[in-house]
Amino acid sequence: MVVQTTGLAERVREALQEVRPALQMDGGDVELVEVVDGEVRVRLLGACGGCPMATMTLVGFVEERVKARVPEVKRIVSV
């Protein structure tokens, strides 16, 4: 297991900053936990944390936009 703390993780953090305003408009937020072997682990906060649409938001919105900016990302999972 390779835990990346710079480079890739920093670019993921910047990409997440771009999606945060949309999540915050609905009372939610996203926090980067870690990047391991191209897998991005995030924590959904606020309204996103308990929302039944959280999986769709994570994959259809957050993951899509992060992968567009950081193609090395394999997937994003909520922890």
N, C-alpha and C. Protein backbone atom coordinates (compact mmCIF):
# COMPACT_ATOMS: atom_id res chain seq x y z
N MET A 1 0.86 -1.18 0.00
CA MET A 1 0.00 0.00 0.00
C MET A 1 0.90 1.24 0.00
N VAL A 2 0.60 2.16 -0.89
CA VAL A 2 1.36 3.40 -1.00
C VAL A 2 0.45 4.56 -0.62
N VAL A 3 0.77 5.26 0.45
CA VAL A 3 0.01 6.43 0.85
C VAL A 3 0.72 7.64 0.29
N GLN A 4 0.02 8.40 -0.55
CA GLN A 4 0.61 9.57 -1.17
C GLN A 4 0.14 10.82 -0.44
N THR A 5 1.10 11.64 -0.02
CA THR A 5 0.73 12.82 0.74
C THR A 5 1.01 14.11 -0.02
N THR A 6 1.75 14.04 -1.11
CA THR A 6 2.02 15.24 -1.90
C THR A 6 1.81 14.92 -3.37
N GLY A 7 1.91 15.91 -4.20
CA GLY A 7 1.76 15.68 -5.64
C GLY A 7 0.33 15.34 -6.01
N LEU A 8 0.06 14.05 -6.13
CA LEU A 8 -1.27 13.59 -6.51
C LEU A 8 -2.32 14.05 -5.50
N ALA A 9 -2.03 13.88 -4.23
CA ALA A 9 -2.99 14.28 -3.19
C ALA A 9 -3.27 15.77 -3.25
N GLU A 10 -2.25 16.57 -3.52
CA GLU A 10 -2.44 18.02 -3.59
C GLU A 10 -3.32 18.39 -4.78
N ARG A 11 -3.12 17.74 -5.91
CA ARG A 11 -3.95 18.01 -7.08
C ARG A 11 -5.39 17.57 -6.84
N VAL A 12 -5.58 16.46 -6.13
CA VAL A 12 -6.93 16.00 -5.77
C VAL A 12 -7.58 17.03 -4.84
N ARG A 13 -6.83 17.51 -3.86
CA ARG A 13 -7.35 18.51 -2.92
C ARG A 13 -7.81 19.76 -3.68
N GLU A 14 -7.03 20.20 -4.66
CA GLU A 14 -7.40 21.36 -5.46
C GLU A 14 -8.67 21.10 -6.28
N ALA A 15 -8.79 19.90 -6.84
CA ALA A 15 -9.98 19.55 -7.61
C ALA A 15 -11.21 19.50 -6.71
N LEU A 16 -11.05 18.98 -5.50
CA LEU A 16 -12.17 18.95 -4.55
C LEU A 16 -12.61 20.35 -4.17
N GLN A 17 -11.66 21.27 -4.08
CA GLN A 17 -12.01 22.66 -3.77
C GLN A 17 -12.97 23.24 -4.81
N GLU A 18 -12.86 22.78 -6.04
CA GLU A 18 -13.73 23.27 -7.10
C GLU A 18 -15.16 22.73 -6.99
N VAL A 19 -15.33 21.54 -6.43
CA VAL A 19 -16.68 20.97 -6.31
C VAL A 19 -17.35 21.32 -4.98
N ARG A 20 -16.56 21.73 -4.01
CA ARG A 20 -17.11 22.03 -2.69
C ARG A 20 -18.22 23.07 -2.69
N PRO A 21 -18.10 24.18 -3.44
CA PRO A 21 -19.19 25.17 -3.40
C PRO A 21 -20.55 24.59 -3.78
N ALA A 22 -20.60 23.71 -4.75
CA ALA A 22 -21.88 23.11 -5.15
C ALA A 22 -22.44 22.24 -4.03
N LEU A 23 -21.59 21.50 -3.36
CA LEU A 23 -22.03 20.68 -2.23
C LEU A 23 -22.49 21.55 -1.07
N GLN A 24 -21.75 22.62 -0.82
CA GLN A 24 -22.07 23.51 0.29
C GLN A 24 -23.40 24.24 0.07
N MET A 25 -23.76 24.49 -1.18
CA MET A 25 -25.05 25.14 -1.47
C MET A 25 -26.22 24.28 -0.98
N ASP A 26 -26.02 22.96 -0.92
CA ASP A 26 -27.06 22.05 -0.45
C ASP A 26 -26.84 21.61 0.99
N GLY A 27 -25.93 22.30 1.70
CA GLY A 27 -25.70 21.99 3.11
C GLY A 27 -24.71 20.88 3.36
N GLY A 28 -23.97 20.47 2.34
CA GLY A 28 -23.00 19.39 2.49
C GLY A 28 -21.58 19.87 2.30
N ASP A 29 -20.67 18.92 2.30
CA ASP A 29 -19.26 19.23 2.07
C ASP A 29 -18.53 17.91 1.87
N VAL A 30 -17.27 18.01 1.46
CA VAL A 30 -16.44 16.83 1.26
C VAL A 30 -15.06 17.13 1.83
N GLU A 31 -14.46 16.13 2.45
CA GLU A 31 -13.15 16.27 3.06
C GLU A 31 -12.25 15.14 2.55
N LEU A 32 -11.06 15.48 2.09
CA LEU A 32 -10.10 14.48 1.65
C LEU A 32 -9.51 13.79 2.87
N VAL A 33 -9.58 12.46 2.88
CA VAL A 33 -9.01 11.68 3.97
C VAL A 33 -7.61 11.22 3.58
N GLU A 34 -7.49 10.57 2.41
CA GLU A 34 -6.19 10.11 1.94
C GLU A 34 -6.29 9.66 0.49
N VAL A 35 -5.13 9.52 -0.12
CA VAL A 35 -5.02 8.97 -1.47
C VAL A 35 -4.09 7.78 -1.36
N VAL A 36 -4.59 6.59 -1.74
CA VAL A 36 -3.81 5.37 -1.63
C VAL A 36 -3.88 4.64 -2.96
N ASP A 37 -2.73 4.48 -3.61
CA ASP A 37 -2.65 3.75 -4.88
C ASP A 37 -3.68 4.23 -5.89
N GLY A 38 -3.87 5.52 -5.99
CA GLY A 38 -4.81 6.08 -6.96
C GLY A 38 -6.26 6.08 -6.51
N GLU A 39 -6.54 5.52 -5.35
CA GLU A 39 -7.89 5.54 -4.79
C GLU A 39 -8.00 6.72 -3.83
N VAL A 40 -8.98 7.57 -4.08
CA VAL A 40 -9.19 8.74 -3.25
C VAL A 40 -10.26 8.41 -2.21
N ARG A 41 -9.91 8.60 -0.96
CA ARG A 41 -10.86 8.35 0.13
C ARG A 41 -11.28 9.68 0.70
N VAL A 42 -12.59 9.89 0.71
CA VAL A 42 -13.15 11.15 1.19
C VAL A 42 -14.19 10.87 2.26
N ARG A 43 -14.52 11.92 2.99
CA ARG A 43 -15.60 11.86 3.98
C ARG A 43 -16.63 12.89 3.55
N LEU A 44 -17.86 12.45 3.37
CA LEU A 44 -18.95 13.36 3.05
C LEU A 44 -19.47 13.94 4.36
N LEU A 45 -19.63 15.25 4.39
CA LEU A 45 -20.01 15.95 5.62
C LEU A 45 -21.34 16.65 5.48
N GLY A 46 -21.89 17.08 6.60
CA GLY A 46 -23.14 17.83 6.59
C GLY A 46 -24.28 17.03 5.99
N ALA A 47 -25.08 17.70 5.19
CA ALA A 47 -26.25 17.06 4.58
C ALA A 47 -25.85 15.89 3.69
N CYS A 48 -24.66 15.93 3.12
CA CYS A 48 -24.20 14.85 2.23
C CYS A 48 -23.96 13.55 2.99
N GLY A 49 -23.59 13.67 4.27
CA GLY A 49 -23.25 12.50 5.06
C GLY A 49 -24.38 11.50 5.21
N GLY A 50 -25.60 11.96 5.34
CA GLY A 50 -26.72 11.05 5.54
C GLY A 50 -27.69 11.03 4.38
N CYS A 51 -27.33 11.64 3.29
CA CYS A 51 -28.25 11.75 2.15
C CYS A 51 -28.36 10.44 1.38
N PRO A 52 -29.58 10.04 1.02
CA PRO A 52 -29.74 8.82 0.23
C PRO A 52 -29.14 8.94 -1.18
N MET A 53 -28.90 10.15 -1.64
CA MET A 53 -28.31 10.37 -2.96
C MET A 53 -26.80 10.51 -2.89
N ALA A 54 -26.20 10.27 -1.73
CA ALA A 54 -24.76 10.49 -1.53
C ALA A 54 -23.92 9.69 -2.52
N THR A 55 -24.27 8.44 -2.78
CA THR A 55 -23.49 7.63 -3.71
C THR A 55 -23.53 8.20 -5.10
N MET A 56 -24.70 8.63 -5.53
CA MET A 56 -24.82 9.23 -6.86
C MET A 56 -24.03 10.54 -6.92
N THR A 57 -24.09 11.32 -5.87
CA THR A 57 -23.35 12.58 -5.83
C THR A 57 -21.85 12.30 -5.89
N LEU A 58 -21.41 11.31 -5.13
CA LEU A 58 -19.99 11.00 -5.07
C LEU A 58 -19.47 10.54 -6.43
N VAL A 59 -20.16 9.60 -7.06
CA VAL A 59 -19.69 9.04 -8.33
C VAL A 59 -20.03 9.95 -9.51
N GLY A 60 -21.27 10.41 -9.57
CA GLY A 60 -21.71 11.16 -10.73
C GLY A 60 -21.27 12.61 -10.76
N PHE A 61 -20.91 13.14 -9.63
CA PHE A 61 -20.52 14.55 -9.59
C PHE A 61 -19.06 14.71 -9.15
N VAL A 62 -18.76 14.28 -7.94
CA VAL A 62 -17.42 14.49 -7.39
C VAL A 62 -16.38 13.70 -8.17
N GLU A 63 -16.58 12.39 -8.31
CA GLU A 63 -15.59 11.56 -8.99
C GLU A 63 -15.38 12.00 -10.44
N GLU A 64 -16.46 12.29 -11.13
CA GLU A 64 -16.37 12.71 -12.53
C GLU A 64 -15.50 13.96 -12.68
N ARG A 65 -15.71 14.92 -11.84
CA ARG A 65 -14.97 16.18 -11.94
C ARG A 65 -13.51 16.05 -11.48
N VAL A 66 -13.29 15.26 -10.44
CA VAL A 66 -11.91 15.07 -9.97
C VAL A 66 -11.11 14.30 -11.03
N LYS A 67 -11.69 13.25 -11.60
CA LYS A 67 -10.99 12.48 -12.62
C LYS A 67 -10.69 13.33 -13.86
N ALA A 68 -11.55 14.27 -14.18
CA ALA A 68 -11.31 15.15 -15.32
C ALA A 68 -10.07 16.01 -15.09
N ARG A 69 -9.84 16.41 -13.86
CA ARG A 69 -8.67 17.24 -13.52
C ARG A 69 -7.45 16.41 -13.17
N VAL A 70 -7.67 15.22 -12.61
CA VAL A 70 -6.56 14.38 -12.15
C VAL A 70 -6.79 12.96 -12.69
N PRO A 71 -6.37 12.71 -13.94
CA PRO A 71 -6.67 11.43 -14.59
C PRO A 71 -6.05 10.21 -13.91
N GLU A 72 -5.07 10.39 -13.04
CA GLU A 72 -4.46 9.25 -12.34
C GLU A 72 -5.38 8.64 -11.29
N VAL A 73 -6.42 9.36 -10.93
CA VAL A 73 -7.37 8.85 -9.94
C VAL A 73 -8.15 7.68 -10.54
N LYS A 74 -8.13 6.56 -9.81
CA LYS A 74 -8.84 5.36 -10.26
C LYS A 74 -10.31 5.40 -9.83
N ARG A 75 -10.53 5.80 -8.59
CA ARG A 75 -11.89 5.90 -8.07
C ARG A 75 -11.90 6.71 -6.80
N ILE A 76 -13.11 7.13 -6.43
CA ILE A 76 -13.30 7.86 -5.18
C ILE A 76 -14.28 7.08 -4.33
N VAL A 77 -13.92 6.88 -3.08
CA VAL A 77 -14.80 6.15 -2.16
C VAL A 77 -15.02 6.99 -0.90
N SER A 78 -16.18 6.81 -0.32
CA SER A 78 -16.52 7.48 0.93
C SER A 78 -16.16 6.57 2.09
N VAL A 79 -15.50 7.14 3.09
CA VAL A 79 -15.12 6.35 4.28
C VAL A 79 -15.78 6.91 5.51
